[in-house]
Amino acid sequence: MQEISTKPYLLRALYEWCTDNGYTPHIAVRVDNSTRVPRQFVRDGEIVLNISFEATSQLQMGNEWIEFTARFSGKAHKIEIPVANVLAIYARENGQGMAFQVDAVAGEGADSGAFDEDAAPTDDAQRDESPAGLTPVADSGANEEPSEGADEPPKTDGDGDGSKGGSRPRLKIVK
């Protein structure tokens, strides 16, 4: 007997943790031929989906598949995701959650034939070049000490209305 992966259990547990704490659970999914999602919303072979109670209907998180109905641009879509393709589950509000390793070859050969007919096609070469996991984000430097002179307000051109380039916009009082 083949042992069942812990991944679907962790996904269900983190989903429950998000909802119990009032957070909005999101999943990042690697899209391939076995994944049924509206293709026009796929970016770099991945899609992020809100799986909260308010955003989904008939959500079923099984050991092999995550299935639900969701609206995209006002149109209802049946979403089917292999658990093996889930890259991460996290709370939108604070980013807490868990990332998973996804094999690059899972589902590439199987065509479910369940694509939306009006969806944009995806390029197989582009899908093969996309990273299999989450990619790091460059540091914005927001936590660093400000440089000298950063406490000074930006210089204006003298009229104070902020309409000229290079100055911070200001409200103009009209009587």
N, C-alpha and C. Protein backbone atom coordinates (compact mmCIF):
# COMPACT_ATOMS: atom_id res chain seq x y z
N MET A 1 0.84 -1.19 0.00
CA MET A 1 0.00 0.00 0.00
C MET A 1 0.88 1.24 0.00
N GLN A 2 0.60 2.14 -0.92
CA GLN A 2 1.39 3.37 -1.04
C GLN A 2 0.97 4.36 0.04
N GLU A 3 1.99 4.98 0.66
CA GLU A 3 1.73 5.95 1.72
C GLU A 3 1.20 7.26 1.13
N ILE A 4 0.17 7.82 1.77
CA ILE A 4 -0.42 9.09 1.32
C ILE A 4 0.48 10.23 1.75
N SER A 5 0.66 11.19 0.88
CA SER A 5 1.48 12.37 1.16
C SER A 5 0.89 13.19 2.30
N THR A 6 1.75 13.88 3.03
CA THR A 6 1.29 14.77 4.10
C THR A 6 0.80 16.11 3.54
N LYS A 7 1.11 16.40 2.29
CA LYS A 7 0.79 17.70 1.70
C LYS A 7 -0.70 18.05 1.77
N PRO A 8 -1.63 17.17 1.37
CA PRO A 8 -3.05 17.57 1.45
C PRO A 8 -3.51 17.83 2.88
N TYR A 9 -2.94 17.13 3.83
CA TYR A 9 -3.31 17.33 5.24
C TYR A 9 -2.80 18.69 5.72
N LEU A 10 -1.58 19.05 5.32
CA LEU A 10 -1.03 20.36 5.68
C LEU A 10 -1.82 21.48 5.03
N LEU A 11 -2.23 21.29 3.77
CA LEU A 11 -3.04 22.30 3.08
C LEU A 11 -4.37 22.52 3.81
N ARG A 12 -5.03 21.43 4.19
CA ARG A 12 -6.31 21.56 4.90
C ARG A 12 -6.11 22.21 6.27
N ALA A 13 -5.04 21.86 6.96
CA ALA A 13 -4.77 22.44 8.28
C ALA A 13 -4.49 23.94 8.18
N LEU A 14 -3.70 24.36 7.20
CA LEU A 14 -3.39 25.78 7.05
C LEU A 14 -4.61 26.56 6.56
N TYR A 15 -5.44 25.94 5.73
CA TYR A 15 -6.69 26.56 5.31
C TYR A 15 -7.57 26.82 6.54
N GLU A 16 -7.70 25.82 7.39
CA GLU A 16 -8.51 25.96 8.60
C GLU A 16 -7.92 27.01 9.54
N TRP A 17 -6.60 27.04 9.68
CA TRP A 17 -5.94 28.04 10.53
C TRP A 17 -6.24 29.45 10.01
N CYS A 18 -6.14 29.64 8.69
CA CYS A 18 -6.43 30.96 8.10
C CYS A 18 -7.87 31.38 8.41
N THR A 19 -8.82 30.49 8.15
CA THR A 19 -10.22 30.86 8.35
C THR A 19 -10.55 31.07 9.82
N ASP A 20 -9.98 30.26 10.70
CA ASP A 20 -10.23 30.42 12.14
C ASP A 20 -9.72 31.75 12.67
N ASN A 21 -8.66 32.27 12.06
CA ASN A 21 -8.06 33.53 12.51
C ASN A 21 -8.55 34.74 11.71
N GLY A 22 -9.52 34.54 10.83
CA GLY A 22 -10.08 35.65 10.07
C GLY A 22 -9.22 36.09 8.90
N TYR A 23 -8.28 35.24 8.47
CA TYR A 23 -7.41 35.56 7.34
C TYR A 23 -7.99 35.01 6.05
N THR A 24 -7.50 35.51 4.93
CA THR A 24 -7.95 35.07 3.62
C THR A 24 -6.93 34.09 3.04
N PRO A 25 -7.28 32.80 2.94
CA PRO A 25 -6.32 31.82 2.42
C PRO A 25 -6.16 31.93 0.90
N HIS A 26 -4.92 31.93 0.46
CA HIS A 26 -4.59 31.94 -0.96
C HIS A 26 -3.67 30.76 -1.25
N ILE A 27 -3.78 30.21 -2.45
CA ILE A 27 -2.83 29.18 -2.87
C ILE A 27 -2.15 29.63 -4.15
N ALA A 28 -0.85 29.35 -4.23
CA ALA A 28 -0.08 29.56 -5.45
C ALA A 28 0.03 28.20 -6.12
N VAL A 29 -0.27 28.16 -7.42
CA VAL A 29 -0.36 26.89 -8.14
C VAL A 29 0.49 26.95 -9.41
N ARG A 30 1.25 25.88 -9.65
CA ARG A 30 1.96 25.75 -10.93
C ARG A 30 0.97 25.16 -11.93
N VAL A 31 0.78 25.85 -13.04
CA VAL A 31 -0.22 25.46 -14.03
C VAL A 31 0.42 24.58 -15.09
N ASP A 32 -0.20 23.43 -15.34
CA ASP A 32 0.22 22.55 -16.43
C ASP A 32 -1.04 21.98 -17.08
N ASN A 33 -0.87 20.95 -17.90
CA ASN A 33 -2.01 20.39 -18.63
C ASN A 33 -3.06 19.74 -17.74
N SER A 34 -2.69 19.33 -16.54
CA SER A 34 -3.66 18.69 -15.65
C SER A 34 -4.40 19.69 -14.77
N THR A 35 -4.05 20.96 -14.87
CA THR A 35 -4.65 22.01 -14.04
C THR A 35 -5.75 22.71 -14.84
N ARG A 36 -6.93 22.82 -14.25
CA ARG A 36 -8.04 23.49 -14.93
C ARG A 36 -8.29 24.84 -14.25
N VAL A 37 -7.80 25.89 -14.88
CA VAL A 37 -7.97 27.27 -14.41
C VAL A 37 -8.17 28.15 -15.63
N PRO A 38 -8.74 29.35 -15.46
CA PRO A 38 -8.84 30.27 -16.61
C PRO A 38 -7.44 30.73 -17.01
N ARG A 39 -7.00 30.35 -18.18
CA ARG A 39 -5.62 30.58 -18.62
C ARG A 39 -5.25 32.05 -18.77
N GLN A 40 -6.23 32.92 -18.96
CA GLN A 40 -5.90 34.34 -19.14
C GLN A 40 -5.37 34.97 -17.86
N PHE A 41 -5.51 34.29 -16.72
CA PHE A 41 -5.01 34.82 -15.45
C PHE A 41 -3.70 34.17 -15.02
N VAL A 42 -3.15 33.28 -15.84
CA VAL A 42 -1.89 32.61 -15.54
C VAL A 42 -0.73 33.52 -15.91
N ARG A 43 0.23 33.67 -15.01
CA ARG A 43 1.42 34.48 -15.24
C ARG A 43 2.65 33.62 -14.96
N ASP A 44 3.54 33.51 -15.92
CA ASP A 44 4.78 32.75 -15.78
C ASP A 44 4.51 31.31 -15.34
N GLY A 45 3.45 30.72 -15.85
CA GLY A 45 3.13 29.33 -15.54
C GLY A 45 2.56 29.11 -14.16
N GLU A 46 2.17 30.20 -13.48
CA GLU A 46 1.63 30.09 -12.13
C GLU A 46 0.39 30.97 -11.99
N ILE A 47 -0.44 30.64 -11.01
CA ILE A 47 -1.61 31.43 -10.70
C ILE A 47 -1.81 31.42 -9.18
N VAL A 48 -2.26 32.54 -8.64
CA VAL A 48 -2.59 32.63 -7.22
C VAL A 48 -4.10 32.72 -7.11
N LEU A 49 -4.68 31.87 -6.27
CA LEU A 49 -6.13 31.79 -6.14
C LEU A 49 -6.57 32.03 -4.70
N ASN A 50 -7.59 32.85 -4.55
CA ASN A 50 -8.24 33.08 -3.26
C ASN A 50 -9.18 31.90 -3.04
N ILE A 51 -8.95 31.13 -1.98
CA ILE A 51 -9.81 29.97 -1.72
C ILE A 51 -10.66 30.16 -0.46
N SER A 52 -10.92 31.41 -0.11
CA SER A 52 -11.75 31.69 1.06
C SER A 52 -13.19 31.26 0.80
N PHE A 53 -13.96 31.14 1.87
CA PHE A 53 -15.36 30.75 1.77
C PHE A 53 -16.13 31.74 0.90
N GLU A 54 -15.81 33.03 1.03
CA GLU A 54 -16.51 34.07 0.27
C GLU A 54 -16.19 34.03 -1.22
N ALA A 55 -15.01 33.54 -1.60
CA ALA A 55 -14.57 33.57 -2.99
C ALA A 55 -14.85 32.28 -3.74
N THR A 56 -15.20 31.21 -3.04
CA THR A 56 -15.39 29.92 -3.69
C THR A 56 -16.77 29.35 -3.39
N SER A 57 -17.14 28.39 -4.20
CA SER A 57 -18.37 27.63 -3.98
C SER A 57 -18.00 26.15 -4.14
N GLN A 58 -18.55 25.32 -3.29
CA GLN A 58 -18.35 23.87 -3.36
C GLN A 58 -16.87 23.49 -3.28
N LEU A 59 -16.12 24.12 -2.37
CA LEU A 59 -14.70 23.81 -2.20
C LEU A 59 -14.54 22.41 -1.62
N GLN A 60 -13.73 21.60 -2.32
CA GLN A 60 -13.39 20.26 -1.85
C GLN A 60 -11.88 20.13 -1.90
N MET A 61 -11.27 19.92 -0.73
CA MET A 61 -9.82 19.75 -0.65
C MET A 61 -9.54 18.28 -0.34
N GLY A 62 -9.41 17.49 -1.40
CA GLY A 62 -9.15 16.06 -1.24
C GLY A 62 -7.67 15.76 -1.16
N ASN A 63 -7.33 14.46 -1.12
CA ASN A 63 -5.93 14.06 -1.05
C ASN A 63 -5.21 14.19 -2.39
N GLU A 64 -5.95 14.16 -3.50
CA GLU A 64 -5.34 14.25 -4.83
C GLU A 64 -5.68 15.55 -5.56
N TRP A 65 -6.87 16.10 -5.32
CA TRP A 65 -7.35 17.27 -6.06
C TRP A 65 -7.96 18.31 -5.13
N ILE A 66 -7.84 19.57 -5.53
CA ILE A 66 -8.58 20.68 -4.92
C ILE A 66 -9.54 21.15 -6.00
N GLU A 67 -10.84 21.13 -5.69
CA GLU A 67 -11.86 21.49 -6.67
C GLU A 67 -12.82 22.51 -6.07
N PHE A 68 -13.20 23.50 -6.88
CA PHE A 68 -14.18 24.49 -6.46
C PHE A 68 -14.64 25.28 -7.67
N THR A 69 -15.66 26.09 -7.46
CA THR A 69 -16.15 27.02 -8.47
C THR A 69 -15.84 28.42 -7.99
N ALA A 70 -15.33 29.25 -8.89
CA ALA A 70 -15.00 30.64 -8.54
C ALA A 70 -15.34 31.54 -9.72
N ARG A 71 -15.54 32.82 -9.42
CA ARG A 71 -15.87 33.79 -10.47
C ARG A 71 -14.62 34.57 -10.85
N PHE A 72 -14.39 34.70 -12.14
CA PHE A 72 -13.32 35.50 -12.69
C PHE A 72 -13.95 36.46 -13.68
N SER A 73 -13.80 37.75 -13.45
CA SER A 73 -14.41 38.79 -14.29
C SER A 73 -15.91 38.55 -14.44
N GLY A 74 -16.56 38.12 -13.37
CA GLY A 74 -18.00 37.93 -13.37
C GLY A 74 -18.48 36.62 -13.95
N LYS A 75 -17.58 35.78 -14.45
CA LYS A 75 -17.97 34.52 -15.06
C LYS A 75 -17.54 33.35 -14.17
N ALA A 76 -18.46 32.43 -13.89
CA ALA A 76 -18.16 31.27 -13.03
C ALA A 76 -17.28 30.28 -13.79
N HIS A 77 -16.27 29.76 -13.10
CA HIS A 77 -15.36 28.77 -13.67
C HIS A 77 -15.21 27.62 -12.68
N LYS A 78 -15.19 26.40 -13.20
CA LYS A 78 -14.89 25.21 -12.40
C LYS A 78 -13.37 25.10 -12.34
N ILE A 79 -12.81 25.11 -11.14
CA ILE A 79 -11.37 25.06 -10.94
C ILE A 79 -11.00 23.67 -10.42
N GLU A 80 -10.00 23.05 -11.05
CA GLU A 80 -9.51 21.74 -10.63
C GLU A 80 -7.99 21.79 -10.59
N ILE A 81 -7.43 21.53 -9.41
CA ILE A 81 -5.99 21.65 -9.20
C ILE A 81 -5.47 20.36 -8.58
N PRO A 82 -4.47 19.72 -9.18
CA PRO A 82 -3.84 18.59 -8.51
C PRO A 82 -3.10 19.09 -7.26
N VAL A 83 -3.25 18.40 -6.15
CA VAL A 83 -2.55 18.80 -4.93
C VAL A 83 -1.05 18.87 -5.18
N ALA A 84 -0.54 18.01 -6.05
CA ALA A 84 0.90 18.00 -6.36
C ALA A 84 1.37 19.31 -6.99
N ASN A 85 0.47 20.11 -7.57
CA ASN A 85 0.85 21.36 -8.23
C ASN A 85 0.77 22.58 -7.32
N VAL A 86 0.35 22.42 -6.08
CA VAL A 86 0.25 23.55 -5.16
C VAL A 86 1.65 23.94 -4.70
N LEU A 87 2.04 25.17 -4.99
CA LEU A 87 3.35 25.70 -4.61
C LEU A 87 3.35 26.20 -3.18
N ALA A 88 2.24 26.82 -2.75
CA ALA A 88 2.19 27.41 -1.41
C ALA A 88 0.75 27.68 -1.01
N ILE A 89 0.53 27.75 0.29
CA ILE A 89 -0.73 28.23 0.85
C ILE A 89 -0.35 29.24 1.92
N TYR A 90 -1.04 30.39 1.91
CA TYR A 90 -0.66 31.44 2.85
C TYR A 90 -1.84 32.37 3.10
N ALA A 91 -1.74 33.14 4.19
CA ALA A 91 -2.74 34.16 4.51
C ALA A 91 -2.38 35.44 3.77
N ARG A 92 -3.33 36.00 3.05
CA ARG A 92 -3.08 37.22 2.29
C ARG A 92 -2.66 38.38 3.20
N GLU A 93 -3.24 38.46 4.37
CA GLU A 93 -3.03 39.61 5.25
C GLU A 93 -1.63 39.69 5.82
N ASN A 94 -1.00 38.55 6.11
CA ASN A 94 0.33 38.60 6.74
C ASN A 94 1.37 37.71 6.08
N GLY A 95 1.00 36.96 5.05
CA GLY A 95 1.95 36.13 4.33
C GLY A 95 2.34 34.84 5.04
N GLN A 96 1.79 34.58 6.21
CA GLN A 96 2.14 33.36 6.93
C GLN A 96 1.51 32.16 6.24
N GLY A 97 2.29 31.10 6.12
CA GLY A 97 1.82 29.89 5.48
C GLY A 97 2.95 28.93 5.25
N MET A 98 2.87 28.17 4.16
CA MET A 98 3.87 27.16 3.88
C MET A 98 4.05 27.02 2.38
N ALA A 99 5.31 26.88 1.96
CA ALA A 99 5.64 26.63 0.55
C ALA A 99 6.00 25.16 0.39
N PHE A 100 5.75 24.63 -0.80
CA PHE A 100 6.00 23.22 -1.09
C PHE A 100 6.86 23.09 -2.34
N GLN A 101 7.60 22.01 -2.41
CA GLN A 101 8.37 21.69 -3.61
C GLN A 101 7.43 21.05 -4.62
N VAL A 102 7.49 21.50 -5.87
CA VAL A 102 6.66 20.92 -6.93
C VAL A 102 7.59 20.40 -8.00
N ASP A 103 7.41 19.13 -8.37
CA ASP A 103 8.24 18.54 -9.42
C ASP A 103 7.90 19.19 -10.75
N ALA A 104 8.92 19.47 -11.55
CA ALA A 104 8.74 20.17 -12.82
C ALA A 104 8.03 19.32 -13.86
N VAL A 105 8.04 18.00 -13.72
CA VAL A 105 7.46 17.15 -14.75
C VAL A 105 6.06 16.65 -14.40
N ALA A 106 5.56 16.92 -13.22
CA ALA A 106 4.24 16.42 -12.82
C ALA A 106 3.15 16.99 -13.71
N GLY A 107 2.41 16.10 -14.38
CA GLY A 107 1.26 16.51 -15.17
C GLY A 107 1.57 17.12 -16.52
N GLU A 108 2.82 17.21 -16.92
CA GLU A 108 3.15 17.83 -18.20
C GLU A 108 2.62 17.03 -19.38
N GLY A 109 2.60 15.70 -19.25
CA GLY A 109 2.20 14.88 -20.39
C GLY A 109 0.70 14.63 -20.44
N ALA A 110 0.01 14.75 -19.34
CA ALA A 110 -1.41 14.45 -19.30
C ALA A 110 -2.22 15.68 -19.67
N ASP A 111 -3.07 15.54 -20.68
CA ASP A 111 -3.92 16.65 -21.09
C ASP A 111 -5.33 16.35 -20.64
N SER A 112 -5.85 17.16 -19.74
CA SER A 112 -7.19 16.93 -19.23
C SER A 112 -8.25 17.35 -20.23
N GLY A 113 -7.89 18.18 -21.19
CA GLY A 113 -8.86 18.65 -22.16
C GLY A 113 -9.89 19.57 -21.55
N ALA A 114 -9.61 20.08 -20.37
CA ALA A 114 -10.60 20.86 -19.63
C ALA A 114 -10.28 22.35 -19.63
N PHE A 115 -9.67 22.82 -20.68
CA PHE A 115 -9.32 24.24 -20.75
C PHE A 115 -10.53 25.04 -21.19
N ASP A 116 -10.57 26.31 -20.78
CA ASP A 116 -11.62 27.19 -21.25
C ASP A 116 -11.36 27.52 -22.71
N GLU A 117 -12.43 27.48 -23.50
CA GLU A 117 -12.25 27.72 -24.92
C GLU A 117 -11.85 29.15 -25.24
N ASP A 118 -12.20 30.10 -24.37
CA ASP A 118 -11.84 31.49 -24.62
C ASP A 118 -10.56 31.88 -23.90
N ALA A 119 -9.88 30.92 -23.30
CA ALA A 119 -8.66 31.23 -22.56
C ALA A 119 -7.49 31.42 -23.51
N ALA A 120 -6.56 32.25 -23.08
CA ALA A 120 -5.37 32.49 -23.88
C ALA A 120 -4.48 31.25 -23.82
N PRO A 121 -3.90 30.83 -24.96
CA PRO A 121 -3.03 29.66 -24.95
C PRO A 121 -1.72 29.97 -24.23
N THR A 122 -1.14 28.92 -23.65
CA THR A 122 0.16 29.09 -23.01
C THR A 122 1.22 28.43 -23.86
N ASP A 123 2.40 28.98 -23.85
CA ASP A 123 3.51 28.49 -24.64
C ASP A 123 4.25 27.42 -23.83
N ASP A 124 4.40 26.20 -24.39
CA ASP A 124 5.08 25.12 -23.67
C ASP A 124 6.51 25.48 -23.33
N ALA A 125 7.20 26.17 -24.22
CA ALA A 125 8.59 26.55 -23.95
C ALA A 125 8.66 27.50 -22.77
N GLN A 126 7.74 28.44 -22.70
CA GLN A 126 7.71 29.38 -21.58
C GLN A 126 7.43 28.64 -20.28
N ARG A 127 6.52 27.66 -20.30
CA ARG A 127 6.18 26.91 -19.12
C ARG A 127 7.38 26.11 -18.62
N ASP A 128 8.18 25.53 -19.55
CA ASP A 128 9.34 24.76 -19.16
C ASP A 128 10.41 25.62 -18.53
N GLU A 129 10.50 26.90 -18.90
CA GLU A 129 11.51 27.79 -18.37
C GLU A 129 11.12 28.40 -17.03
N SER A 130 9.86 28.31 -16.64
CA SER A 130 9.43 28.93 -15.40
C SER A 130 9.95 28.13 -14.22
N PRO A 131 10.26 28.82 -13.11
CA PRO A 131 10.78 28.12 -11.93
C PRO A 131 9.72 27.22 -11.33
N ALA A 132 10.17 26.11 -10.77
CA ALA A 132 9.25 25.15 -10.18
C ALA A 132 8.77 25.57 -8.80
N GLY A 133 9.48 26.48 -8.15
CA GLY A 133 9.11 26.90 -6.81
C GLY A 133 8.94 28.39 -6.72
N LEU A 134 8.82 28.89 -5.52
CA LEU A 134 8.71 30.32 -5.31
C LEU A 134 10.06 30.96 -5.54
N THR A 135 10.06 32.15 -6.09
CA THR A 135 11.32 32.85 -6.34
C THR A 135 11.48 33.98 -5.35
N PRO A 136 12.73 34.26 -4.94
CA PRO A 136 12.96 35.33 -3.97
C PRO A 136 12.68 36.70 -4.58
N VAL A 137 12.30 37.63 -3.73
CA VAL A 137 12.02 39.00 -4.14
C VAL A 137 13.17 39.87 -3.69
N ALA A 138 13.59 40.82 -4.53
CA ALA A 138 14.69 41.71 -4.17
C ALA A 138 14.29 42.58 -2.99
N ASP A 139 15.27 42.86 -2.12
CA ASP A 139 15.04 43.68 -0.93
C ASP A 139 14.78 45.12 -1.36
N SER A 140 13.70 45.70 -0.85
CA SER A 140 13.35 47.07 -1.20
C SER A 140 14.13 48.08 -0.38
N GLY A 141 14.77 47.63 0.70
CA GLY A 141 15.52 48.54 1.56
C GLY A 141 14.62 49.31 2.51
N ALA A 142 13.38 48.92 2.67
CA ALA A 142 12.43 49.66 3.51
C ALA A 142 12.79 49.59 4.99
N ASN A 143 13.53 48.57 5.41
CA ASN A 143 13.88 48.43 6.82
C ASN A 143 15.22 49.06 7.17
N GLU A 144 15.90 49.64 6.20
CA GLU A 144 17.20 50.25 6.45
C GLU A 144 17.03 51.65 7.01
N GLU A 145 18.10 52.14 7.67
CA GLU A 145 18.10 53.50 8.20
C GLU A 145 18.04 54.50 7.04
N PRO A 146 17.26 55.57 7.15
CA PRO A 146 17.20 56.56 6.08
C PRO A 146 18.53 57.29 5.95
N SER A 147 18.82 57.70 4.72
CA SER A 147 20.07 58.41 4.47
C SER A 147 19.96 59.84 4.98
N GLU A 148 21.11 60.50 5.07
CA GLU A 148 21.17 61.87 5.57
C GLU A 148 20.34 62.78 4.68
N GLY A 149 19.54 63.64 5.28
CA GLY A 149 18.70 64.56 4.53
C GLY A 149 17.34 63.98 4.19
N ALA A 150 17.07 62.74 4.61
CA ALA A 150 15.79 62.12 4.28
C ALA A 150 14.65 62.70 5.10
N ASP A 151 14.98 63.36 6.24
CA ASP A 151 13.94 63.95 7.07
C ASP A 151 13.43 65.27 6.52
N GLU A 152 14.15 65.84 5.57
CA GLU A 152 13.75 67.12 5.00
C GLU A 152 12.65 66.91 3.98
N PRO A 153 11.68 67.82 3.93
CA PRO A 153 10.63 67.69 2.91
C PRO A 153 11.21 67.97 1.53
N PRO A 154 10.60 67.45 0.49
CA PRO A 154 11.10 67.71 -0.85
C PRO A 154 11.01 69.19 -1.19
N LYS A 155 11.97 69.62 -1.97
CA LYS A 155 12.01 71.03 -2.36
C LYS A 155 10.95 71.28 -3.43
N THR A 156 10.30 72.45 -3.32
CA THR A 156 9.28 72.82 -4.30
C THR A 156 9.80 73.98 -5.13
N ASP A 157 9.07 74.31 -6.17
CA ASP A 157 9.49 75.39 -7.05
C ASP A 157 8.97 76.75 -6.59
N GLY A 158 8.31 76.80 -5.45
CA GLY A 158 7.92 78.08 -4.89
C GLY A 158 6.44 78.38 -4.93
N ASP A 159 5.69 77.87 -5.90
CA ASP A 159 4.27 78.22 -5.96
C ASP A 159 3.43 77.35 -5.02
N GLY A 160 3.98 76.21 -4.56
CA GLY A 160 3.35 75.41 -3.52
C GLY A 160 2.15 74.59 -3.94
N ASP A 161 1.75 74.60 -5.21
CA ASP A 161 0.58 73.82 -5.58
C ASP A 161 0.93 72.40 -6.02
N GLY A 162 2.23 72.11 -6.19
CA GLY A 162 2.65 70.76 -6.53
C GLY A 162 2.36 70.38 -7.96
N SER A 163 1.96 71.31 -8.80
CA SER A 163 1.63 70.96 -10.18
C SER A 163 2.86 70.82 -11.05
N LYS A 164 3.97 71.36 -10.66
CA LYS A 164 5.20 71.23 -11.42
C LYS A 164 5.84 69.88 -11.10
N GLY A 165 6.60 69.32 -12.03
CA GLY A 165 7.26 68.04 -11.82
C GLY A 165 8.32 68.14 -10.74
N GLY A 166 8.60 67.01 -10.08
CA GLY A 166 9.67 66.94 -9.11
C GLY A 166 9.24 67.28 -7.69
N SER A 167 8.03 67.69 -7.47
CA SER A 167 7.62 68.00 -6.10
C SER A 167 6.47 67.08 -5.70
N ARG A 168 6.29 66.98 -4.44
CA ARG A 168 5.25 66.14 -3.88
C ARG A 168 3.89 66.82 -4.10
N PRO A 169 2.85 66.08 -4.49
CA PRO A 169 1.54 66.70 -4.71
C PRO A 169 0.97 67.24 -3.40
N ARG A 170 0.29 68.37 -3.50
CA ARG A 170 -0.31 69.01 -2.33
C ARG A 170 -1.75 69.36 -2.64
N LEU A 171 -2.54 69.42 -1.60
CA LEU A 171 -3.92 69.86 -1.76
C LEU A 171 -3.95 71.38 -1.85
N LYS A 172 -4.76 71.90 -2.73
CA LYS A 172 -4.91 73.34 -2.88
C LYS A 172 -6.25 73.73 -2.28
N ILE A 173 -6.24 74.68 -1.37
CA ILE A 173 -7.46 75.12 -0.71
C ILE A 173 -8.21 76.08 -1.63
N VAL A 174 -9.48 75.76 -1.88
CA VAL A 174 -10.33 76.58 -2.72
C VAL A 174 -11.47 77.10 -1.86
N LYS A 175 -11.67 78.44 -1.87
CA LYS A 175 -12.74 79.03 -1.06
C LYS A 175 -13.94 79.37 -1.89
